[in-house]
Amino acid sequence: MLQQDTRDLTVVVRQKLFFGTLPRDEPTKMWVGKGSGSLCDVCDQPITSTEIEYEPDFSDRRVFRFHLNCIEVWHQQCL
């Protein structure tokens, strides 16, 4: 992931929370592993095989994928 300023990520997360494209609820479980090339649901950049991919699952079966910095900002904004 290109290093993005945390302030920029915070703005993106807040917008996606407002429009409902990111969840506000707690995940039912969290998968963590090597990046699969999928796009991060916060920054819209690929999560490469040299990066860690965070994949929270939700009770309604929604699946999201995040970089470490992105999931940290998302979690902070949901508190």
PDB file of N, CA and C in Angstrom:
ATOM      1  N   MET A   1       0.848  -1.180   0.000  1.00  0.00           N
ATOM      2  CA  MET A   1       0.000   0.000   0.000  1.00  0.00           C
ATOM      3  C   MET A   1       0.883   1.229   0.000  1.00  0.00           C
ATOM      4  N   LEU A   2       0.532   2.197  -0.780  1.00  0.00           N
ATOM      5  CA  LEU A   2       1.218   3.467  -0.710  1.00  0.00           C
ATOM      6  C   LEU A   2       0.932   4.071   0.651  1.00  0.00           C
ATOM      7  N   GLN A   3       1.965   4.626   1.271  1.00  0.00           N
ATOM      8  CA  GLN A   3       1.752   5.227   2.582  1.00  0.00           C
ATOM      9  C   GLN A   3       0.787   6.394   2.435  1.00  0.00           C
ATOM     10  N   GLN A   4      -0.315   6.304   3.102  1.00  0.00           N
ATOM     11  CA  GLN A   4      -1.292   7.386   3.083  1.00  0.00           C
ATOM     12  C   GLN A   4      -1.325   8.007   4.455  1.00  0.00           C
ATOM     13  N   ASP A   5      -1.458   9.286   4.484  1.00  0.00           N
ATOM     14  CA  ASP A   5      -1.574  10.018   5.730  1.00  0.00           C
ATOM     15  C   ASP A   5      -2.812   9.517   6.475  1.00  0.00           C
ATOM     16  N   THR A   6      -2.669   9.310   7.777  1.00  0.00           N
ATOM     17  CA  THR A   6      -3.791   8.835   8.589  1.00  0.00           C
ATOM     18  C   THR A   6      -4.976   9.787   8.500  1.00  0.00           C
ATOM     19  N   ARG A   7      -4.700  11.072   8.380  1.00  0.00           N
ATOM     20  CA  ARG A   7      -5.803  12.043   8.254  1.00  0.00           C
ATOM     21  C   ARG A   7      -6.594  11.796   6.977  1.00  0.00           C
ATOM     22  N   ASP A   8      -5.886  11.486   5.887  1.00  0.00           N
ATOM     23  CA  ASP A   8      -6.572  11.184   4.627  1.00  0.00           C
ATOM     24  C   ASP A   8      -7.437   9.936   4.764  1.00  0.00           C
ATOM     25  N   LEU A   9      -6.884   8.901   5.399  1.00  0.00           N
ATOM     26  CA  LEU A   9      -7.643   7.661   5.596  1.00  0.00           C
ATOM     27  C   LEU A   9      -8.857   7.907   6.482  1.00  0.00           C
ATOM     28  N   THR A  10      -8.701   8.755   7.487  1.00  0.00           N
ATOM     29  CA  THR A  10      -9.815   9.074   8.380  1.00  0.00           C
ATOM     30  C   THR A  10     -10.961   9.710   7.604  1.00  0.00           C
ATOM     31  N   VAL A  11     -10.650  10.619   6.711  1.00  0.00           N
ATOM     32  CA  VAL A  11     -11.678  11.268   5.885  1.00  0.00           C
ATOM     33  C   VAL A  11     -12.383  10.229   5.020  1.00  0.00           C
ATOM     34  N   VAL A  12     -11.616   9.349   4.399  1.00  0.00           N
ATOM     35  CA  VAL A  12     -12.193   8.308   3.543  1.00  0.00           C
ATOM     36  C   VAL A  12     -13.098   7.391   4.358  1.00  0.00           C
ATOM     37  N   VAL A  13     -12.621   6.950   5.514  1.00  0.00           N
ATOM     38  CA  VAL A  13     -13.414   6.051   6.363  1.00  0.00           C
ATOM     39  C   VAL A  13     -14.703   6.738   6.799  1.00  0.00           C
ATOM     40  N   ARG A  14     -14.625   7.964   7.231  1.00  0.00           N
ATOM     41  CA  ARG A  14     -15.832   8.681   7.665  1.00  0.00           C
ATOM     42  C   ARG A  14     -16.851   8.795   6.538  1.00  0.00           C
ATOM     43  N   GLN A  15     -16.376   9.080   5.329  1.00  0.00           N
ATOM     44  CA  GLN A  15     -17.291   9.166   4.184  1.00  0.00           C
ATOM     45  C   GLN A  15     -17.940   7.815   3.900  1.00  0.00           C
ATOM     46  N   LYS A  16     -17.139   6.754   3.927  1.00  0.00           N
ATOM     47  CA  LYS A  16     -17.680   5.423   3.630  1.00  0.00           C
ATOM     48  C   LYS A  16     -18.626   4.948   4.730  1.00  0.00           C
ATOM     49  N   LEU A  17     -18.366   5.327   5.973  1.00  0.00           N
ATOM     50  CA  LEU A  17     -19.294   5.009   7.055  1.00  0.00           C
ATOM     51  C   LEU A  17     -20.604   5.776   6.859  1.00  0.00           C
ATOM     52  N   PHE A  18     -20.513   7.037   6.509  1.00  0.00           N
ATOM     53  CA  PHE A  18     -21.696   7.873   6.298  1.00  0.00           C
ATOM     54  C   PHE A  18     -22.587   7.304   5.194  1.00  0.00           C
ATOM     55  N   PHE A  19     -21.967   6.878   4.093  1.00  0.00           N
ATOM     56  CA  PHE A  19     -22.735   6.359   2.959  1.00  0.00           C
ATOM     57  C   PHE A  19     -23.064   4.872   3.085  1.00  0.00           C
ATOM     58  N   GLY A  20     -22.588   4.229   4.155  1.00  0.00           N
ATOM     59  CA  GLY A  20     -22.921   2.831   4.401  1.00  0.00           C
ATOM     60  C   GLY A  20     -22.107   1.822   3.621  1.00  0.00           C
ATOM     61  N   THR A  21     -21.030   2.262   2.990  1.00  0.00           N
ATOM     62  CA  THR A  21     -20.197   1.315   2.245  1.00  0.00           C
ATOM     63  C   THR A  21     -19.201   0.594   3.141  1.00  0.00           C
ATOM     64  N   LEU A  22     -19.025   1.083   4.366  1.00  0.00           N
ATOM     65  CA  LEU A  22     -18.270   0.362   5.394  1.00  0.00           C
ATOM     66  C   LEU A  22     -19.198   0.128   6.569  1.00  0.00           C
ATOM     67  N   PRO A  23     -19.062  -1.006   7.240  1.00  0.00           N
ATOM     68  CA  PRO A  23     -19.931  -1.318   8.371  1.00  0.00           C
ATOM     69  C   PRO A  23     -19.520  -0.563   9.629  1.00  0.00           C
ATOM     70  N   ARG A  24     -20.478  -0.408  10.543  1.00  0.00           N
ATOM     71  CA  ARG A  24     -20.201   0.182  11.854  1.00  0.00           C
ATOM     72  C   ARG A  24     -20.178  -0.883  12.955  1.00  0.00           C
ATOM     73  N   ASP A  25     -20.703  -2.058  12.654  1.00  0.00           N
ATOM     74  CA  ASP A  25     -20.814  -3.100  13.671  1.00  0.00           C
ATOM     75  C   ASP A  25     -19.515  -3.893  13.813  1.00  0.00           C
ATOM     76  N   GLU A  26     -19.427  -4.617  14.913  1.00  0.00           N
ATOM     77  CA  GLU A  26     -18.263  -5.459  15.191  1.00  0.00           C
ATOM     78  C   GLU A  26     -18.305  -6.720  14.335  1.00  0.00           C
ATOM     79  N   PRO A  27     -17.166  -7.149  13.831  1.00  0.00           N
ATOM     80  CA  PRO A  27     -17.143  -8.405  13.071  1.00  0.00           C
ATOM     81  C   PRO A  27     -17.367  -9.608  13.985  1.00  0.00           C
ATOM     82  N   THR A  28     -17.901 -10.680  13.408  1.00  0.00           N
ATOM     83  CA  THR A  28     -18.090 -11.911  14.172  1.00  0.00           C
ATOM     84  C   THR A  28     -16.791 -12.696  14.283  1.00  0.00           C
ATOM     85  N   LYS A  29     -15.918 -12.523  13.298  1.00  0.00           N
ATOM     86  CA  LYS A  29     -14.582 -13.116  13.354  1.00  0.00           C
ATOM     87  C   LYS A  29     -13.675 -12.350  12.409  1.00  0.00           C
ATOM     88  N   MET A  30     -12.386 -12.604  12.551  1.00  0.00           N
ATOM     89  CA  MET A  30     -11.397 -11.893  11.746  1.00  0.00           C
ATOM     90  C   MET A  30     -10.405 -12.894  11.193  1.00  0.00           C
ATOM     91  N   TRP A  31     -10.200 -12.843   9.896  1.00  0.00           N
ATOM     92  CA  TRP A  31      -9.187 -13.652   9.239  1.00  0.00           C
ATOM     93  C   TRP A  31      -8.004 -12.744   8.928  1.00  0.00           C
ATOM     94  N   VAL A  32      -6.816 -13.261   9.092  1.00  0.00           N
ATOM     95  CA  VAL A  32      -5.606 -12.494   8.804  1.00  0.00           C
ATOM     96  C   VAL A  32      -4.657 -13.396   8.037  1.00  0.00           C
ATOM     97  N   GLY A  33      -4.104 -12.885   6.964  1.00  0.00           N
ATOM     98  CA  GLY A  33      -3.171 -13.696   6.184  1.00  0.00           C
ATOM     99  C   GLY A  33      -2.460 -12.872   5.134  1.00  0.00           C
ATOM    100  N   LYS A  34      -1.766 -13.576   4.289  1.00  0.00           N
ATOM    101  CA  LYS A  34      -1.018 -12.952   3.203  1.00  0.00           C
ATOM    102  C   LYS A  34      -1.992 -12.295   2.221  1.00  0.00           C
ATOM    103  N   GLY A  35      -1.618 -11.122   1.735  1.00  0.00           N
ATOM    104  CA  GLY A  35      -2.462 -10.407   0.783  1.00  0.00           C
ATOM    105  C   GLY A  35      -2.781 -11.242  -0.444  1.00  0.00           C
ATOM    106  N   SER A  36      -4.002 -11.107  -0.928  1.00  0.00           N
ATOM    107  CA  SER A  36      -4.477 -11.905  -2.066  1.00  0.00           C
ATOM    108  C   SER A  36      -4.542 -11.101  -3.363  1.00  0.00           C
ATOM    109  N   GLY A  37      -4.200  -9.822  -3.285  1.00  0.00           N
ATOM    110  CA  GLY A  37      -4.336  -8.966  -4.459  1.00  0.00           C
ATOM    111  C   GLY A  37      -5.683  -8.267  -4.525  1.00  0.00           C
ATOM    112  N   SER A  38      -6.581  -8.601  -3.591  1.00  0.00           N
ATOM    113  CA  SER A  38      -7.890  -7.942  -3.540  1.00  0.00           C
ATOM    114  C   SER A  38      -7.715  -6.475  -3.173  1.00  0.00           C
ATOM    115  N   LEU A  39      -8.710  -5.674  -3.528  1.00  0.00           N
ATOM    116  CA  LEU A  39      -8.654  -4.261  -3.182  1.00  0.00           C
ATOM    117  C   LEU A  39      -9.076  -4.044  -1.739  1.00  0.00           C
ATOM    118  N   CYS A  40      -8.391  -3.138  -1.072  1.00  0.00           N
ATOM    119  CA  CYS A  40      -8.738  -2.737   0.289  1.00  0.00           C
ATOM    120  C   CYS A  40     -10.033  -1.932   0.224  1.00  0.00           C
ATOM    121  N   ASP A  41     -10.951  -2.222   1.139  1.00  0.00           N
ATOM    122  CA  ASP A  41     -12.239  -1.533   1.139  1.00  0.00           C
ATOM    123  C   ASP A  41     -12.165  -0.113   1.673  1.00  0.00           C
ATOM    124  N   VAL A  42     -11.024   0.305   2.205  1.00  0.00           N
ATOM    125  CA  VAL A  42     -10.849   1.697   2.618  1.00  0.00           C
ATOM    126  C   VAL A  42     -10.155   2.493   1.525  1.00  0.00           C
ATOM    127  N   CYS A  43      -8.928   2.112   1.189  1.00  0.00           N
ATOM    128  CA  CYS A  43      -8.110   2.932   0.279  1.00  0.00           C
ATOM    129  C   CYS A  43      -8.238   2.531  -1.186  1.00  0.00           C
ATOM    130  N   ASP A  44      -8.928   1.432  -1.464  1.00  0.00           N
ATOM    131  CA  ASP A  44      -9.148   0.959  -2.840  1.00  0.00           C
ATOM    132  C   ASP A  44      -7.858   0.595  -3.568  1.00  0.00           C
ATOM    133  N   GLN A  45      -6.810   0.279  -2.808  1.00  0.00           N
ATOM    134  CA  GLN A  45      -5.540  -0.159  -3.382  1.00  0.00           C
ATOM    135  C   GLN A  45      -5.405  -1.668  -3.177  1.00  0.00           C
ATOM    136  N   PRO A  46      -4.699  -2.374  -4.063  1.00  0.00           N
ATOM    137  CA  PRO A  46      -4.521  -3.820  -3.891  1.00  0.00           C
ATOM    138  C   PRO A  46      -3.737  -4.144  -2.622  1.00  0.00           C
ATOM    139  N   ILE A  47      -4.100  -5.248  -2.013  1.00  0.00           N
ATOM    140  CA  ILE A  47      -3.349  -5.775  -0.874  1.00  0.00           C
ATOM    141  C   ILE A  47      -2.459  -6.868  -1.450  1.00  0.00           C
ATOM    142  N   THR A  48      -1.196  -6.549  -1.624  1.00  0.00           N
ATOM    143  CA  THR A  48      -0.272  -7.437  -2.329  1.00  0.00           C
ATOM    144  C   THR A  48       0.168  -8.604  -1.457  1.00  0.00           C
ATOM    145  N   SER A  49       0.786  -9.579  -2.086  1.00  0.00           N
ATOM    146  CA  SER A  49       1.240 -10.779  -1.369  1.00  0.00           C
ATOM    147  C   SER A  49       2.353 -10.476  -0.373  1.00  0.00           C
ATOM    148  N   THR A  50       2.954  -9.306  -0.444  1.00  0.00           N
ATOM    149  CA  THR A  50       3.982  -8.922   0.533  1.00  0.00           C
ATOM    150  C   THR A  50       3.377  -8.179   1.718  1.00  0.00           C
ATOM    151  N   GLU A  51       2.048  -8.004   1.704  1.00  0.00           N
ATOM    152  CA  GLU A  51       1.347  -7.299   2.775  1.00  0.00           C
ATOM    153  C   GLU A  51       0.407  -8.255   3.508  1.00  0.00           C
ATOM    154  N   ILE A  52       0.013  -7.855   4.698  1.00  0.00           N
ATOM    155  CA  ILE A  52      -0.955  -8.630   5.480  1.00  0.00           C
ATOM    156  C   ILE A  52      -2.358  -8.129   5.133  1.00  0.00           C
ATOM    157  N   GLU A  53      -3.258  -9.080   4.916  1.00  0.00           N
ATOM    158  CA  GLU A  53      -4.653  -8.758   4.603  1.00  0.00           C
ATOM    159  C   GLU A  53      -5.520  -9.105   5.808  1.00  0.00           C
ATOM    160  N   TYR A  54      -6.356  -8.159   6.211  1.00  0.00           N
ATOM    161  CA  TYR A  54      -7.299  -8.357   7.316  1.00  0.00           C
ATOM    162  C   TYR A  54      -8.684  -8.480   6.712  1.00  0.00           C
ATOM    163  N   GLU A  55      -9.383  -9.559   7.078  1.00  0.00           N
ATOM    164  CA  GLU A  55     -10.692  -9.840   6.486  1.00  0.00           C
ATOM    165  C   GLU A  55     -11.706 -10.117   7.594  1.00  0.00           C
ATOM    166  N   PRO A  56     -12.382  -9.069   8.063  1.00  0.00           N
ATOM    167  CA  PRO A  56     -13.416  -9.288   9.072  1.00  0.00           C
ATOM    168  C   PRO A  56     -14.690  -9.835   8.419  1.00  0.00           C
ATOM    169  N   ASP A  57     -15.324 -10.774   9.098  1.00  0.00           N
ATOM    170  CA  ASP A  57     -16.609 -11.311   8.653  1.00  0.00           C
ATOM    171  C   ASP A  57     -17.696 -10.764   9.574  1.00  0.00           C
ATOM    172  N   PHE A  58     -18.875 -10.596   9.026  1.00  0.00           N
ATOM    173  CA  PHE A  58     -19.995 -10.046   9.778  1.00  0.00           C
ATOM    174  C   PHE A  58     -21.162 -11.022   9.761  1.00  0.00           C
ATOM    175  N   SER A  59     -22.071 -10.888  10.735  1.00  0.00           N
ATOM    176  CA  SER A  59     -23.179 -11.835  10.880  1.00  0.00           C
ATOM    177  C   SER A  59     -24.056 -11.892   9.632  1.00  0.00           C
ATOM    178  N   ASP A  60     -24.103 -10.820   8.867  1.00  0.00           N
ATOM    179  CA  ASP A  60     -24.908 -10.828   7.641  1.00  0.00           C
ATOM    180  C   ASP A  60     -24.108 -11.313   6.429  1.00  0.00           C
ATOM    181  N   ARG A  61     -22.948 -11.903   6.708  1.00  0.00           N
ATOM    182  CA  ARG A  61     -22.079 -12.536   5.708  1.00  0.00           C
ATOM    183  C   ARG A  61     -21.327 -11.550   4.807  1.00  0.00           C
ATOM    184  N   ARG A  62     -21.378 -10.271   5.156  1.00  0.00           N
ATOM    185  CA  ARG A  62     -20.568  -9.315   4.396  1.00  0.00           C
ATOM    186  C   ARG A  62     -19.097  -9.578   4.692  1.00  0.00           C
ATOM    187  N   VAL A  63     -18.275  -9.416   3.687  1.00  0.00           N
ATOM    188  CA  VAL A  63     -16.834  -9.604   3.843  1.00  0.00           C
ATOM    189  C   VAL A  63     -16.137  -8.344   3.334  1.00  0.00           C
ATOM    190  N   PHE A  64     -15.193  -7.874   4.108  1.00  0.00           N
ATOM    191  CA  PHE A  64     -14.402  -6.706   3.740  1.00  0.00           C
ATOM    192  C   PHE A  64     -12.937  -7.068   3.864  1.00  0.00           C
ATOM    193  N   ARG A  65     -12.095  -6.336   3.144  1.00  0.00           N
ATOM    194  CA  ARG A  65     -10.648  -6.576   3.196  1.00  0.00           C
ATOM    195  C   ARG A  65      -9.944  -5.254   3.446  1.00  0.00           C
ATOM    196  N   PHE A  66      -8.923  -5.309   4.320  1.00  0.00           N
ATOM    197  CA  PHE A  66      -8.234  -4.094   4.729  1.00  0.00           C
ATOM    198  C   PHE A  66      -6.730  -4.297   4.843  1.00  0.00           C
ATOM    199  N   HIS A  67      -5.977  -3.227   4.598  1.00  0.00           N
ATOM    200  CA  HIS A  67      -4.575  -3.142   5.012  1.00  0.00           C
ATOM    201  C   HIS A  67      -4.564  -2.874   6.522  1.00  0.00           C
ATOM    202  N   LEU A  68      -3.415  -3.062   7.162  1.00  0.00           N
ATOM    203  CA  LEU A  68      -3.296  -2.806   8.602  1.00  0.00           C
ATOM    204  C   LEU A  68      -3.678  -1.367   8.945  1.00  0.00           C
ATOM    205  N   ASN A  69      -3.068  -0.387   8.291  1.00  0.00           N
ATOM    206  CA  ASN A  69      -3.375   1.020   8.603  1.00  0.00           C
ATOM    207  C   ASN A  69      -4.850   1.319   8.392  1.00  0.00           C
ATOM    208  N   CYS A  70      -5.408   0.760   7.361  1.00  0.00           N
ATOM    209  CA  CYS A  70      -6.807   1.027   7.030  1.00  0.00           C
ATOM    210  C   CYS A  70      -7.758   0.431   8.066  1.00  0.00           C
ATOM    211  N   ILE A  71      -7.489  -0.788   8.512  1.00  0.00           N
ATOM    212  CA  ILE A  71      -8.384  -1.392   9.507  1.00  0.00           C
ATOM    213  C   ILE A  71      -8.257  -0.690  10.851  1.00  0.00           C
ATOM    214  N   GLU A  72      -7.066  -0.192  11.159  1.00  0.00           N
ATOM    215  CA  GLU A  72      -6.887   0.552  12.409  1.00  0.00           C
ATOM    216  C   GLU A  72      -7.707   1.839  12.396  1.00  0.00           C
ATOM    217  N   VAL A  73      -7.671   2.563  11.288  1.00  0.00           N
ATOM    218  CA  VAL A  73      -8.449   3.802  11.185  1.00  0.00           C
ATOM    219  C   VAL A  73      -9.941   3.482  11.212  1.00  0.00           C
ATOM    220  N   TRP A  74     -10.360   2.454  10.484  1.00  0.00           N
ATOM    221  CA  TRP A  74     -11.775   2.053  10.492  1.00  0.00           C
ATOM    222  C   TRP A  74     -12.227   1.738  11.919  1.00  0.00           C
ATOM    223  N   HIS A  75     -11.430   0.956  12.635  1.00  0.00           N
ATOM    224  CA  HIS A  75     -11.794   0.571  14.000  1.00  0.00           C
ATOM    225  C   HIS A  75     -11.899   1.799  14.906  1.00  0.00           C
ATOM    226  N   GLN A  76     -10.957   2.718  14.797  1.00  0.00           N
ATOM    227  CA  GLN A  76     -10.997   3.943  15.607  1.00  0.00           C
ATOM    228  C   GLN A  76     -12.260   4.749  15.332  1.00  0.00           C
ATOM    229  N   GLN A  77     -12.672   4.820  14.094  1.00  0.00           N
ATOM    230  CA  GLN A  77     -13.840   5.617  13.734  1.00  0.00           C
ATOM    231  C   GLN A  77     -15.150   4.946  14.143  1.00  0.00           C
ATOM    232  N   CYS A  78     -15.116   3.657  14.379  1.00  0.00           N
ATOM    233  CA  CYS A  78     -16.327   2.928  14.782  1.00  0.00           C
ATOM    234  C   CYS A  78     -16.534   2.917  16.287  1.00  0.00           C
ATOM    235  N   LEU A  79     -15.532   3.313  17.047  1.00  0.00           N
ATOM    236  CA  LEU A  79     -15.655   3.294  18.518  1.00  0.00           C
ATOM    237  C   LEU A  79     -16.646   4.316  19.012  1.00  0.00           C
TER     238      LEU A  79
END
